[in-house]
Amino acid sequence: MAKILDWVCAALAVVAASLFLFLTFTICYSIFTRSLGLPTPIWTVQYDEYAMLWLTFLGTAWLLSRNRHVSIELVVSRFGERGQRVFGTIHDFLGVILCAVLCYFSFLCTWDHFQRGVIDVQGVDVPKAYVLAVIPLGFLLLFLQFIRRIVDDFRGTAVKARAH
């Protein structure tokens, strides 16, 4: 199961990186066309907004699995090794709870938008459920990664240099 989760997270991280490249290209293109006094395509800002949302939620579980997520160690670094492990386990339990709650409610919201056929009316009309679908997916993957970290903590196989 862990290998499947690793593969899914890695594949989605590649998609996130591709979205980042798309975002970079469209922003550069927009700047270039504006500097020439030409109009930019109407869809670029809208799709850039979607890309930022999607790349965030597609890449976070992969970052967590690699211990590359943002952390503030001001307090934790003052603890001893045992204190850091305890804090890490508490952190992981809170992550499980938070991700489960956010996954559940974001799924309900996405499903509601899908059932009602809500459309995001901008330059290009897009069903809003398709835009929002990445949020419960991202929280589900984060939930699974936090569960994995807790299991690793209790097995004693947790990564030593884990950031909290």
Foldseek 3Di string as FASTA:
>chain_A
DVVVLLVQLVVLLVVLVVLVVVLVVLVVVCVVCVVVVHHRDFCNVVSNVLSVVSSVLSNPLNCLLVLNDDADCPPVVPDDLVSNLVVLLVVLVVLLVVLVVQLVVLVVVLVVLVVVQDWDDGSDTDRVSVSSVSRSVSSVSSNVSSVVQNVCSVVVNHDSPHGD
